Amino acid sequence: MSIWSRIGELIAALRQGESLASVFDRLRTPPERSAGFAIAVIALGAKMAKADGRVTRDEVAAFREVFRIPPRDEAAAARVFDLARGDVAGFEGYARRIARMFRDRKEPLAHLLEGLFHIAAADGRFDPAEEGFLRRVWEIFGLDERVWRALIARYVPGAPPNPWEVLGLSPGASLEEARRARARLVRETHPDRLLARGVPEEGIRLANARMAAINEAYEAIRRHHEAAAAAGRAGAGQGAAAGD
């Protein structure tokens, strides 16, 4: 059974008047969490769309990059979206239940937040309403400040390029520090490790983009240090020539 078939069953089983948010309390075991992850991204995506007042084609396409929904299961995904968007319950209640679903597992929550960033930034805009929404979800999930800064650096259109933020480093960190940070992040992003730590397949698909961003950030820092070293050598050479 696909996760979308399971999601369809869960939606059909909701009692009259029962909120979609109650589904998350039933999906705490590993076999069920993949369905829970998918519902979480759809539900919070719907709430985010409601926050900024629109859903663009680019955002829908970005969602499909993460979730490969078979045509026969598209109705189930649409039903989740409509239920979440029409639910009077606020997004904060959804976020809290999702956080409880994963308990102390922060990696799935970080990947879920990344999925929302991926969707929000797909149309080339990042509205204040979207930023406020994502910031509050980040707070409820209890994620590290470095997670937020790295996602802003990678996804927000027009954000100043900051390779140090992507690697979780302070500005001006040494090349050796960047090398170690890159190695650690590459290990943490390996699909086998993510699966072992409870990240669903849909979250792992985002790892490819993250890996590319990690490598690009490291290369930018390497070029920065090489340019600084070359400038230092040139300055030393000019000083020696002046001394002669």
Foldseek 3Di string as FASTA:
>chain_A
DDLLVVLLVLVVPADVPHAPLVSLVVQQDLVRVLNVLLLLLLLLLLLLCVLVVHADPLLVVLNCLLPVADPVRVVSSVVSSVRSNPDPDHVLSSLLSNLVSPPPLLVQLLLSLLSSLSSCQRVVAHDPSNVVSSVSSCVSNVDDPLSVQLSCLQRHRPDPNDLCSVLVHDPPDDLVVLVVSLVVVVVCLPPVNCVVSSHHPSSNSCSVVSNVSSVVSSVVNVVVVVVVVVVVVVVVVVVVVVVD
